[in-house]
Amino acid sequence: YWILILFNLLFTSVPPIIYGVLDKDVSAEILMQLPQ
């Protein structure tokens, strides 16, 4: 059970936090210039 808990903790919490903080597919300036 501790391996399952570690698997879910590691693969459910770390990637979304890193992705949420670092991922910006297009810069804010381009998004403001091209609303489409």
Full PDB file with SEQRES, HELIX, SHEET, SSBOND, CRYST1, ORIGX, SCALE, CONECT and MASTER records, all heavy atoms in Angstrom:
SEQRES   1 A   36  TYR TRP ILE LEU ILE LEU PHE ASN LEU LEU PHE THR SER          
SEQRES   2 A   36  VAL PRO PRO ILE ILE TYR GLY VAL LEU ASP LYS ASP VAL          
SEQRES   3 A   36  SER ALA GLU ILE LEU MET GLN LEU PRO GLN                      
HELIX    1 AA1 TRP A    2  LEU A   22  1                                  21    
HELIX    2 AA2 ALA A   28  GLN A   33  1                                   6    
CRYST1    1.000    1.000    1.000  90.00  90.00  90.00 P 1           1          
ORIGX1      1.000000  0.000000  0.000000        0.00000                         
ORIGX2      0.000000  1.000000  0.000000        0.00000                         
ORIGX3      0.000000  0.000000  1.000000        0.00000                         
SCALE1      1.000000  0.000000  0.000000        0.00000                         
SCALE2      0.000000  1.000000  0.000000        0.00000                         
SCALE3      0.000000  0.000000  1.000000        0.00000                         
ATOM      1  N   TYR A   1       0.816  -1.204   0.000  1.00  0.00           N  
ATOM      2  CA  TYR A   1       0.000   0.000   0.000  1.00  0.00           C  
ATOM      3  C   TYR A   1       0.854   1.260   0.000  1.00  0.00           C  
ATOM      4  O   TYR A   1       0.482   2.259  -0.618  1.00  0.00           O  
ATOM      5  CB  TYR A   1      -0.957  -0.002   1.207  1.00  0.00           C  
ATOM      6  CG  TYR A   1      -2.065  -0.993   1.055  1.00  0.00           C  
ATOM      7  CD1 TYR A   1      -2.133  -2.120   1.859  1.00  0.00           C  
ATOM      8  CD2 TYR A   1      -3.055  -0.801   0.104  1.00  0.00           C  
ATOM      9  CE1 TYR A   1      -3.160  -3.039   1.716  1.00  0.00           C  
ATOM     10  CE2 TYR A   1      -4.078  -1.714  -0.046  1.00  0.00           C  
ATOM     11  CZ  TYR A   1      -4.126  -2.819   0.761  1.00  0.00           C  
ATOM     12  OH  TYR A   1      -5.137  -3.717   0.608  1.00  0.00           O  
ATOM     13  N   TRP A   2       1.981   1.243   0.658  1.00  0.00           N  
ATOM     14  CA  TRP A   2       2.810   2.442   0.712  1.00  0.00           C  
ATOM     15  C   TRP A   2       3.403   2.771  -0.665  1.00  0.00           C  
ATOM     16  O   TRP A   2       3.625   3.935  -0.981  1.00  0.00           O  
ATOM     17  CB  TRP A   2       3.896   2.313   1.781  1.00  0.00           C  
ATOM     18  CG  TRP A   2       4.909   1.242   1.504  1.00  0.00           C  
ATOM     19  CD1 TRP A   2       4.858  -0.068   1.850  1.00  0.00           C  
ATOM     20  CD2 TRP A   2       6.143   1.411   0.799  1.00  0.00           C  
ATOM     21  NE1 TRP A   2       5.969  -0.736   1.422  1.00  0.00           N  
ATOM     22  CE2 TRP A   2       6.782   0.155   0.765  1.00  0.00           C  
ATOM     23  CE3 TRP A   2       6.768   2.497   0.199  1.00  0.00           C  
ATOM     24  CZ2 TRP A   2       8.010  -0.040   0.150  1.00  0.00           C  
ATOM     25  CZ3 TRP A   2       7.996   2.307  -0.408  1.00  0.00           C  
ATOM     26  CH2 TRP A   2       8.602   1.042  -0.431  1.00  0.00           C  
ATOM     27  N   ILE A   3       3.629   1.761  -1.503  1.00  0.00           N  
ATOM     28  CA  ILE A   3       4.122   2.022  -2.859  1.00  0.00           C  
ATOM     29  C   ILE A   3       3.013   2.664  -3.694  1.00  0.00           C  
ATOM     30  O   ILE A   3       3.259   3.595  -4.459  1.00  0.00           O  
ATOM     31  CB  ILE A   3       4.640   0.723  -3.513  1.00  0.00           C  
ATOM     32  CG1 ILE A   3       5.891   0.252  -2.780  1.00  0.00           C  
ATOM     33  CG2 ILE A   3       4.927   0.930  -4.992  1.00  0.00           C  
ATOM     34  CD1 ILE A   3       6.421  -1.079  -3.251  1.00  0.00           C  
ATOM     35  N   LEU A   4       1.794   2.183  -3.529  1.00  0.00           N  
ATOM     36  CA  LEU A   4       0.667   2.785  -4.240  1.00  0.00           C  
ATOM     37  C   LEU A   4       0.450   4.225  -3.799  1.00  0.00           C  
ATOM     38  O   LEU A   4       0.220   5.113  -4.628  1.00  0.00           O  
ATOM     39  CB  LEU A   4      -0.596   1.958  -4.004  1.00  0.00           C  
ATOM     40  CG  LEU A   4      -1.868   2.447  -4.679  1.00  0.00           C  
ATOM     41  CD1 LEU A   4      -1.706   2.459  -6.186  1.00  0.00           C  
ATOM     42  CD2 LEU A   4      -3.040   1.580  -4.275  1.00  0.00           C  
ATOM     43  N   ILE A   5       0.549   4.480  -2.509  1.00  0.00           N  
ATOM     44  CA  ILE A   5       0.407   5.843  -1.995  1.00  0.00           C  
ATOM     45  C   ILE A   5       1.521   6.728  -2.529  1.00  0.00           C  
ATOM     46  O   ILE A   5       1.279   7.865  -2.958  1.00  0.00           O  
ATOM     47  CB  ILE A   5       0.379   5.832  -0.454  1.00  0.00           C  
ATOM     48  CG1 ILE A   5      -0.908   5.180   0.041  1.00  0.00           C  
ATOM     49  CG2 ILE A   5       0.521   7.232   0.103  1.00  0.00           C  
ATOM     50  CD1 ILE A   5      -0.927   4.904   1.520  1.00  0.00           C  
ATOM     51  N   LEU A   6       2.749   6.229  -2.529  1.00  0.00           N  
ATOM     52  CA  LEU A   6       3.872   6.995  -3.047  1.00  0.00           C  
ATOM     53  C   LEU A   6       3.721   7.266  -4.539  1.00  0.00           C  
ATOM     54  O   LEU A   6       3.989   8.372  -5.012  1.00  0.00           O  
ATOM     55  CB  LEU A   6       5.184   6.249  -2.773  1.00  0.00           C  
ATOM     56  CG  LEU A   6       6.463   6.980  -3.163  1.00  0.00           C  
ATOM     57  CD1 LEU A   6       6.622   8.236  -2.330  1.00  0.00           C  
ATOM     58  CD2 LEU A   6       7.665   6.062  -3.000  1.00  0.00           C  
ATOM     59  N   PHE A   7       3.258   6.265  -5.291  1.00  0.00           N  
ATOM     60  CA  PHE A   7       3.027   6.438  -6.724  1.00  0.00           C  
ATOM     61  C   PHE A   7       2.014   7.546  -6.975  1.00  0.00           C  
ATOM     62  O   PHE A   7       2.240   8.446  -7.789  1.00  0.00           O  
ATOM     63  CB  PHE A   7       2.539   5.118  -7.331  1.00  0.00           C  
ATOM     64  CG  PHE A   7       2.155   5.207  -8.782  1.00  0.00           C  
ATOM     65  CD1 PHE A   7       3.127   5.147  -9.765  1.00  0.00           C  
ATOM     66  CD2 PHE A   7       0.830   5.348  -9.159  1.00  0.00           C  
ATOM     67  CE1 PHE A   7       2.786   5.223 -11.109  1.00  0.00           C  
ATOM     68  CE2 PHE A   7       0.478   5.426 -10.487  1.00  0.00           C  
ATOM     69  CZ  PHE A   7       1.459   5.369 -11.469  1.00  0.00           C  
ATOM     70  N   ASN A   8       0.884   7.480  -6.283  1.00  0.00           N  
ATOM     71  CA  ASN A   8      -0.143   8.507  -6.480  1.00  0.00           C  
ATOM     72  C   ASN A   8       0.311   9.866  -5.993  1.00  0.00           C  
ATOM     73  O   ASN A   8       0.003  10.884  -6.614  1.00  0.00           O  
ATOM     74  CB  ASN A   8      -1.446   8.098  -5.808  1.00  0.00           C  
ATOM     75  CG  ASN A   8      -2.252   7.160  -6.664  1.00  0.00           C  
ATOM     76  OD1 ASN A   8      -2.251   7.288  -7.881  1.00  0.00           O  
ATOM     77  ND2 ASN A   8      -2.914   6.208  -6.049  1.00  0.00           N  
ATOM     78  N   LEU A   9       1.019   9.907  -4.885  1.00  0.00           N  
ATOM     79  CA  LEU A   9       1.506  11.182  -4.373  1.00  0.00           C  
ATOM     80  C   LEU A   9       2.496  11.817  -5.332  1.00  0.00           C  
ATOM     81  O   LEU A   9       2.402  12.995  -5.662  1.00  0.00           O  
ATOM     82  CB  LEU A   9       2.157  10.982  -3.000  1.00  0.00           C  
ATOM     83  CG  LEU A   9       2.719  12.245  -2.349  1.00  0.00           C  
ATOM     84  CD1 LEU A   9       1.581  13.162  -1.952  1.00  0.00           C  
ATOM     85  CD2 LEU A   9       3.555  11.885  -1.153  1.00  0.00           C  
ATOM     86  N   LEU A  10       3.421  11.019  -5.813  1.00  0.00           N  
ATOM     87  CA  LEU A  10       4.450  11.534  -6.698  1.00  0.00           C  
ATOM     88  C   LEU A  10       3.892  11.929  -8.053  1.00  0.00           C  
ATOM     89  O   LEU A  10       4.140  13.032  -8.539  1.00  0.00           O  
ATOM     90  CB  LEU A  10       5.561  10.479  -6.860  1.00  0.00           C  
ATOM     91  CG  LEU A  10       6.757  10.909  -7.686  1.00  0.00           C  
ATOM     92  CD1 LEU A  10       7.513  12.015  -6.968  1.00  0.00           C  
ATOM     93  CD2 LEU A  10       7.663   9.723  -7.949  1.00  0.00           C  
ATOM     94  N   PHE A  11       3.104  11.059  -8.663  1.00  0.00           N  
ATOM     95  CA  PHE A  11       2.637  11.306 -10.021  1.00  0.00           C  
ATOM     96  C   PHE A  11       1.335  12.096 -10.093  1.00  0.00           C  
ATOM     97  O   PHE A  11       0.877  12.424 -11.177  1.00  0.00           O  
ATOM     98  CB  PHE A  11       2.485   9.989 -10.782  1.00  0.00           C  
ATOM     99  CG  PHE A  11       3.797   9.380 -11.135  1.00  0.00           C  
ATOM    100  CD1 PHE A  11       4.305   8.318 -10.406  1.00  0.00           C  
ATOM    101  CD2 PHE A  11       4.552   9.891 -12.180  1.00  0.00           C  
ATOM    102  CE1 PHE A  11       5.526   7.761 -10.724  1.00  0.00           C  
ATOM    103  CE2 PHE A  11       5.770   9.340 -12.507  1.00  0.00           C  
ATOM    104  CZ  PHE A  11       6.264   8.266 -11.779  1.00  0.00           C  
ATOM    105  N   THR A  12       0.724  12.387  -8.961  1.00  0.00           N  
ATOM    106  CA  THR A  12      -0.488  13.193  -8.974  1.00  0.00           C  
ATOM    107  C   THR A  12      -0.237  14.613  -8.487  1.00  0.00           C  
ATOM    108  O   THR A  12      -0.948  15.520  -8.865  1.00  0.00           O  
ATOM    109  CB  THR A  12      -1.576  12.535  -8.106  1.00  0.00           C  
ATOM    110  OG1 THR A  12      -1.768  11.203  -8.560  1.00  0.00           O  
ATOM    111  CG2 THR A  12      -2.887  13.264  -8.209  1.00  0.00           C  
ATOM    112  N   SER A  13       0.783  14.812  -7.689  1.00  0.00           N  
ATOM    113  CA  SER A  13       0.998  16.154  -7.154  1.00  0.00           C  
ATOM    114  C   SER A  13       2.140  16.904  -7.822  1.00  0.00           C  
ATOM    115  O   SER A  13       1.994  18.075  -8.150  1.00  0.00           O  
ATOM    116  CB  SER A  13       1.246  16.078  -5.642  1.00  0.00           C  
ATOM    117  OG  SER A  13       2.422  15.331  -5.385  1.00  0.00           O  
ATOM    118  N   VAL A  14       3.248  16.263  -8.044  1.00  0.00           N  
ATOM    119  CA  VAL A  14       4.429  16.971  -8.546  1.00  0.00           C  
ATOM    120  C   VAL A  14       4.264  17.475  -9.986  1.00  0.00           C  
ATOM    121  O   VAL A  14       4.476  18.658 -10.244  1.00  0.00           O  
ATOM    122  CB  VAL A  14       5.693  16.090  -8.385  1.00  0.00           C  
ATOM    123  CG1 VAL A  14       6.898  16.768  -8.991  1.00  0.00           C  
ATOM    124  CG2 VAL A  14       5.934  15.791  -6.917  1.00  0.00           C  
ATOM    125  N   PRO A  15       3.870  16.636 -10.954  1.00  0.00           N  
ATOM    126  CA  PRO A  15       3.744  17.148 -12.325  1.00  0.00           C  
ATOM    127  C   PRO A  15       2.729  18.282 -12.490  1.00  0.00           C  
ATOM    128  O   PRO A  15       3.029  19.263 -13.176  1.00  0.00           O  
ATOM    129  CB  PRO A  15       3.340  15.916 -13.139  1.00  0.00           C  
ATOM    130  CG  PRO A  15       3.896  14.779 -12.371  1.00  0.00           C  
ATOM    131  CD  PRO A  15       3.756  15.172 -10.938  1.00  0.00           C  
ATOM    132  N   PRO A  16       1.538  18.223 -11.875  1.00  0.00           N  
ATOM    133  CA  PRO A  16       0.635  19.369 -12.026  1.00  0.00           C  
ATOM    134  C   PRO A  16       1.191  20.663 -11.439  1.00  0.00           C  
ATOM    135  O   PRO A  16       0.975  21.736 -11.999  1.00  0.00           O  
ATOM    136  CB  PRO A  16      -0.630  18.943 -11.277  1.00  0.00           C  
ATOM    137  CG  PRO A  16      -0.596  17.473 -11.294  1.00  0.00           C  
ATOM    138  CD  PRO A  16       0.842  17.097 -11.221  1.00  0.00           C  
ATOM    139  N   ILE A  17       1.904  20.570 -10.329  1.00  0.00           N  
ATOM    140  CA  ILE A  17       2.483  21.781  -9.745  1.00  0.00           C  
ATOM    141  C   ILE A  17       3.548  22.364 -10.670  1.00  0.00           C  
ATOM    142  O   ILE A  17       3.545  23.562 -10.964  1.00  0.00           O  
ATOM    143  CB  ILE A  17       3.063  21.478  -8.343  1.00  0.00           C  
ATOM    144  CG1 ILE A  17       1.937  21.181  -7.366  1.00  0.00           C  
ATOM    145  CG2 ILE A  17       3.907  22.644  -7.853  1.00  0.00           C  
ATOM    146  CD1 ILE A  17       2.400  20.658  -6.036  1.00  0.00           C  
ATOM    147  N   ILE A  18       4.441  21.530 -11.150  1.00  0.00           N  
ATOM    148  CA  ILE A  18       5.494  22.005 -12.051  1.00  0.00           C  
ATOM    149  C   ILE A  18       4.884  22.537 -13.341  1.00  0.00           C  
ATOM    150  O   ILE A  18       5.246  23.609 -13.822  1.00  0.00           O  
ATOM    151  CB  ILE A  18       6.505  20.877 -12.335  1.00  0.00           C  
ATOM    152  CG1 ILE A  18       7.286  20.557 -11.064  1.00  0.00           C  
ATOM    153  CG2 ILE A  18       7.459  21.266 -13.455  1.00  0.00           C  
ATOM    154  CD1 ILE A  18       8.158  19.337 -11.178  1.00  0.00           C  
ATOM    155  N   TYR A  19       3.925  21.794 -13.896  1.00  0.00           N  
ATOM    156  CA  TYR A  19       3.293  22.203 -15.145  1.00  0.00           C  
ATOM    157  C   TYR A  19       2.508  23.495 -14.966  1.00  0.00           C  
ATOM    158  O   TYR A  19       2.536  24.376 -15.821  1.00  0.00           O  
ATOM    159  CB  TYR A  19       2.384  21.077 -15.640  1.00  0.00           C  
ATOM    160  CG  TYR A  19       1.865  21.288 -17.037  1.00  0.00           C  
ATOM    161  CD1 TYR A  19       2.677  21.038 -18.131  1.00  0.00           C  
ATOM    162  CD2 TYR A  19       0.577  21.730 -17.264  1.00  0.00           C  
ATOM    163  CE1 TYR A  19       2.218  21.229 -19.411  1.00  0.00           C  
ATOM    164  CE2 TYR A  19       0.105  21.923 -18.541  1.00  0.00           C  
ATOM    165  CZ  TYR A  19       0.932  21.671 -19.607  1.00  0.00           C  
ATOM    166  OH  TYR A  19       0.463  21.878 -20.876  1.00  0.00           O  
ATOM    167  N   GLY A  20       1.799  23.613 -13.860  1.00  0.00           N  
ATOM    168  CA  GLY A  20       1.004  24.811 -13.614  1.00  0.00           C  
ATOM    169  C   GLY A  20       1.835  26.060 -13.429  1.00  0.00           C  
ATOM    170  O   GLY A  20       1.433  27.155 -13.804  1.00  0.00           O  
ATOM    171  N   VAL A  21       3.013  25.901 -12.853  1.00  0.00           N  
ATOM    172  CA  VAL A  21       3.867  27.063 -12.608  1.00  0.00           C  
ATOM    173  C   VAL A  21       4.661  27.448 -13.852  1.00  0.00           C  
ATOM    174  O   VAL A  21       4.803  28.630 -14.172  1.00  0.00           O  
ATOM    175  CB  VAL A  21       4.824  26.774 -11.424  1.00  0.00           C  
ATOM    176  CG1 VAL A  21       5.866  27.856 -11.291  1.00  0.00           C  
ATOM    177  CG2 VAL A  21       4.047  26.635 -10.135  1.00  0.00           C  
ATOM    178  N   LEU A  22       5.165  26.461 -14.575  1.00  0.00           N  
ATOM    179  CA  LEU A  22       6.114  26.750 -15.645  1.00  0.00           C  
ATOM    180  C   LEU A  22       5.511  26.815 -17.044  1.00  0.00           C  
ATOM    181  O   LEU A  22       6.118  27.414 -17.925  1.00  0.00           O  
ATOM    182  CB  LEU A  22       7.232  25.700 -15.631  1.00  0.00           C  
ATOM    183  CG  LEU A  22       8.053  25.621 -14.352  1.00  0.00           C  
ATOM    184  CD1 LEU A  22       9.073  24.512 -14.455  1.00  0.00           C  
ATOM    185  CD2 LEU A  22       8.729  26.950 -14.067  1.00  0.00           C  
ATOM    186  N   ASP A  23       4.366  26.191 -17.283  1.00  0.00           N  
ATOM    187  CA  ASP A  23       3.882  26.090 -18.652  1.00  0.00           C  
ATOM    188  C   ASP A  23       3.124  27.324 -19.098  1.00  0.00           C  
ATOM    189  O   ASP A  23       2.135  27.714 -18.484  1.00  0.00           O  
ATOM    190  CB  ASP A  23       2.978  24.877 -18.815  1.00  0.00           C  
ATOM    191  CG  ASP A  23       2.534  24.725 -20.244  1.00  0.00           C  
ATOM    192  OD1 ASP A  23       3.407  24.615 -21.116  1.00  0.00           O  
ATOM    193  OD2 ASP A  23       1.313  24.731 -20.490  1.00  0.00           O  
ATOM    194  N   LYS A  24       3.606  27.916 -20.147  1.00  0.00           N  
ATOM    195  CA  LYS A  24       2.932  29.017 -20.832  1.00  0.00           C  
ATOM    196  C   LYS A  24       3.205  28.800 -22.310  1.00  0.00           C  
ATOM    197  O   LYS A  24       4.278  29.117 -22.800  1.00  0.00           O  
ATOM    198  CB  LYS A  24       3.459  30.354 -20.358  1.00  0.00           C  
ATOM    199  CG  LYS A  24       3.139  30.619 -18.904  1.00  0.00           C  
ATOM    200  CD  LYS A  24       3.765  31.886 -18.408  1.00  0.00           C  
ATOM    201  CE  LYS A  24       3.431  32.040 -16.948  1.00  0.00           C  
ATOM    202  NZ  LYS A  24       4.213  33.048 -16.295  1.00  0.00           N  
ATOM    203  N   ASP A  25       2.231  28.221 -23.013  1.00  0.00           N  
ATOM    204  CA  ASP A  25       2.463  27.853 -24.405  1.00  0.00           C  
ATOM    205  C   ASP A  25       2.680  29.055 -25.312  1.00  0.00           C  
ATOM    206  O   ASP A  25       3.396  28.975 -26.294  1.00  0.00           O  
ATOM    207  CB  ASP A  25       1.329  26.974 -24.921  1.00  0.00           C  
ATOM    208  CG  ASP A  25      -0.012  27.668 -24.880  1.00  0.00           C  
ATOM    209  OD1 ASP A  25      -0.185  28.598 -24.080  1.00  0.00           O  
ATOM    210  OD2 ASP A  25      -0.906  27.257 -25.649  1.00  0.00           O  
ATOM    211  N   VAL A  26       2.057  30.181 -24.988  1.00  0.00           N  
ATOM    212  CA  VAL A  26       2.211  31.413 -25.760  1.00  0.00           C  
ATOM    213  C   VAL A  26       2.410  32.536 -24.749  1.00  0.00           C  
ATOM    214  O   VAL A  26       1.804  32.544 -23.682  1.00  0.00           O  
ATOM    215  CB  VAL A  26       0.958  31.678 -26.621  1.00  0.00           C  
ATOM    216  CG1 VAL A  26       1.112  32.932 -27.447  1.00  0.00           C  
ATOM    217  CG2 VAL A  26       0.652  30.498 -27.519  1.00  0.00           C  
ATOM    218  N   SER A  27       3.256  33.492 -25.090  1.00  0.00           N  
ATOM    219  CA  SER A  27       3.527  34.586 -24.153  1.00  0.00           C  
ATOM    220  C   SER A  27       2.300  35.490 -23.994  1.00  0.00           C  
ATOM    221  O   SER A  27       1.421  35.535 -24.860  1.00  0.00           O  
ATOM    222  CB  SER A  27       4.719  35.412 -24.635  1.00  0.00           C  
ATOM    223  OG  SER A  27       4.368  36.137 -25.791  1.00  0.00           O  
ATOM    224  N   ALA A  28       2.266  36.205 -22.901  1.00  0.00           N  
ATOM    225  CA  ALA A  28       1.137  37.090 -22.605  1.00  0.00           C  
ATOM    226  C   ALA A  28       1.006  38.198 -23.643  1.00  0.00           C  
ATOM    227  O   ALA A  28      -0.111  38.592 -24.005  1.00  0.00           O  
ATOM    228  CB  ALA A  28       1.303  37.688 -21.213  1.00  0.00           C  
ATOM    229  N   GLU A  29       2.115  38.695 -24.138  1.00  0.00           N  
ATOM    230  CA  GLU A  29       2.081  39.781 -25.131  1.00  0.00           C  
ATOM    231  C   GLU A  29       1.410  39.321 -26.422  1.00  0.00           C  
ATOM    232  O   GLU A  29       0.595  40.042 -27.004  1.00  0.00           O  
ATOM    233  CB  GLU A  29       3.497  40.288 -25.428  1.00  0.00           C  
ATOM    234  CG  GLU A  29       4.183  40.970 -24.257  1.00  0.00           C  
ATOM    235  CD  GLU A  29       4.786  39.994 -23.258  1.00  0.00           C  
ATOM    236  OE1 GLU A  29       5.068  38.820 -23.635  1.00  0.00           O  
ATOM    237  OE2 GLU A  29       4.944  40.381 -22.090  1.00  0.00           O  
ATOM    238  N   ILE A  30       1.737  38.118 -26.867  1.00  0.00           N  
ATOM    239  CA  ILE A  30       1.135  37.593 -28.104  1.00  0.00           C  
ATOM    240  C   ILE A  30      -0.354  37.329 -27.901  1.00  0.00           C  
ATOM    241  O   ILE A  30      -1.168  37.612 -28.776  1.00  0.00           O  
ATOM    242  CB  ILE A  30       1.876  36.323 -28.574  1.00  0.00           C  
ATOM    243  CG1 ILE A  30       3.293  36.690 -29.018  1.00  0.00           C  
ATOM    244  CG2 ILE A  30       1.128  35.627 -29.692  1.00  0.00           C  
ATOM    245  CD1 ILE A  30       4.164  35.512 -29.375  1.00  0.00           C  
ATOM    246  N   LEU A  31      -0.720  36.809 -26.743  1.00  0.00           N  
ATOM    247  CA  LEU A  31      -2.137  36.551 -26.473  1.00  0.00           C  
ATOM    248  C   LEU A  31      -2.943  37.843 -26.428  1.00  0.00           C  
ATOM    249  O   LEU A  31      -4.116  37.856 -26.832  1.00  0.00           O  
ATOM    250  CB  LEU A  31      -2.293  35.784 -25.163  1.00  0.00           C  
ATOM    251  CG  LEU A  31      -1.862  34.321 -25.198  1.00  0.00           C  
ATOM    252  CD1 LEU A  31      -1.855  33.733 -23.808  1.00  0.00           C  
ATOM    253  CD2 LEU A  31      -2.759  33.521 -26.120  1.00  0.00           C  
ATOM    254  N   MET A  32      -2.349  38.912 -25.941  1.00  0.00           N  
ATOM    255  CA  MET A  32      -3.053  40.200 -25.918  1.00  0.00           C  
ATOM    256  C   MET A  32      -3.171  40.790 -27.326  1.00  0.00           C  
ATOM    257  O   MET A  32      -4.164  41.441 -27.647  1.00  0.00           O  
ATOM    258  CB  MET A  32      -2.328  41.185 -25.004  1.00  0.00           C  
ATOM    259  CG  MET A  32      -2.403  40.837 -23.544  1.00  0.00           C  
ATOM    260  SD  MET A  32      -4.057  40.946 -22.866  1.00  0.00           S  
ATOM    261  CE  MET A  32      -4.211  42.691 -22.674  1.00  0.00           C  
ATOM    262  N   GLN A  33      -2.182  40.547 -28.168  1.00  0.00           N  
ATOM    263  CA  GLN A  33      -2.219  41.078 -29.534  1.00  0.00           C  
ATOM    264  C   GLN A  33      -3.136  40.266 -30.445  1.00  0.00           C  
ATOM    265  O   GLN A  33      -3.704  40.804 -31.391  1.00  0.00           O  
ATOM    266  CB  GLN A  33      -0.812  41.095 -30.134  1.00  0.00           C  
ATOM    267  CG  GLN A  33       0.106  42.106 -29.490  1.00  0.00           C  
ATOM    268  CD  GLN A  33       1.543  41.964 -29.968  1.00  0.00           C  
ATOM    269  OE1 GLN A  33       1.855  41.090 -30.769  1.00  0.00           O  
ATOM    270  NE2 GLN A  33       2.414  42.823 -29.467  1.00  0.00           N  
ATOM    271  N   LEU A  34      -3.267  38.969 -30.191  1.00  0.00           N  
ATOM    272  CA  LEU A  34      -4.075  38.080 -31.039  1.00  0.00           C  
ATOM    273  C   LEU A  34      -5.185  37.427 -30.215  1.00  0.00           C  
ATOM    274  O   LEU A  34      -5.060  36.273 -29.789  1.00  0.00           O  
ATOM    275  CB  LEU A  34      -3.197  37.003 -31.673  1.00  0.00           C  
ATOM    276  CG  LEU A  34      -2.041  37.496 -32.542  1.00  0.00           C  
ATOM    277  CD1 LEU A  34      -1.121  36.349 -32.888  1.00  0.00           C  
ATOM    278  CD2 LEU A  34      -2.582  38.143 -33.801  1.00  0.00           C  
ATOM    279  N   PRO A  35      -6.296  38.119 -29.974  1.00  0.00           N  
ATOM    280  CA  PRO A  35      -7.377  37.549 -29.158  1.00  0.00           C  
ATOM    281  C   PRO A  35      -7.988  36.285 -29.750  1.00  0.00           C  
ATOM    282  O   PRO A  35      -8.582  35.495 -29.029  1.00  0.00           O  
ATOM    283  CB  PRO A  35      -8.415  38.668 -29.099  1.00  0.00           C  
ATOM    284  CG  PRO A  35      -7.736  39.892 -29.559  1.00  0.00           C  
ATOM    285  CD  PRO A  35      -6.579  39.481 -30.397  1.00  0.00           C  
ATOM    286  N   GLN A  36      -7.844  36.053 -31.051  1.00  0.00           N  
ATOM    287  CA  GLN A  36      -8.427  34.859 -31.658  1.00  0.00           C  
ATOM    288  C   GLN A  36      -7.762  33.577 -31.168  1.00  0.00           C  
ATOM    289  O   GLN A  36      -8.318  32.488 -31.336  1.00  0.00           O  
ATOM    290  CB  GLN A  36      -8.417  34.940 -33.189  1.00  0.00           C  
ATOM    291  CG  GLN A  36      -7.085  35.128 -33.812  1.00  0.00           C  
ATOM    292  CD  GLN A  36      -6.704  36.592 -34.012  1.00  0.00           C  
ATOM    293  OE1 GLN A  36      -7.175  37.474 -33.304  1.00  0.00           O  
ATOM    294  NE2 GLN A  36      -5.841  36.846 -34.970  1.00  0.00           N  
TER     295      GLN A  36                                                      
MASTER        0    0    0    2    0    0    0    6  294    1    0    3          
END                                                                             
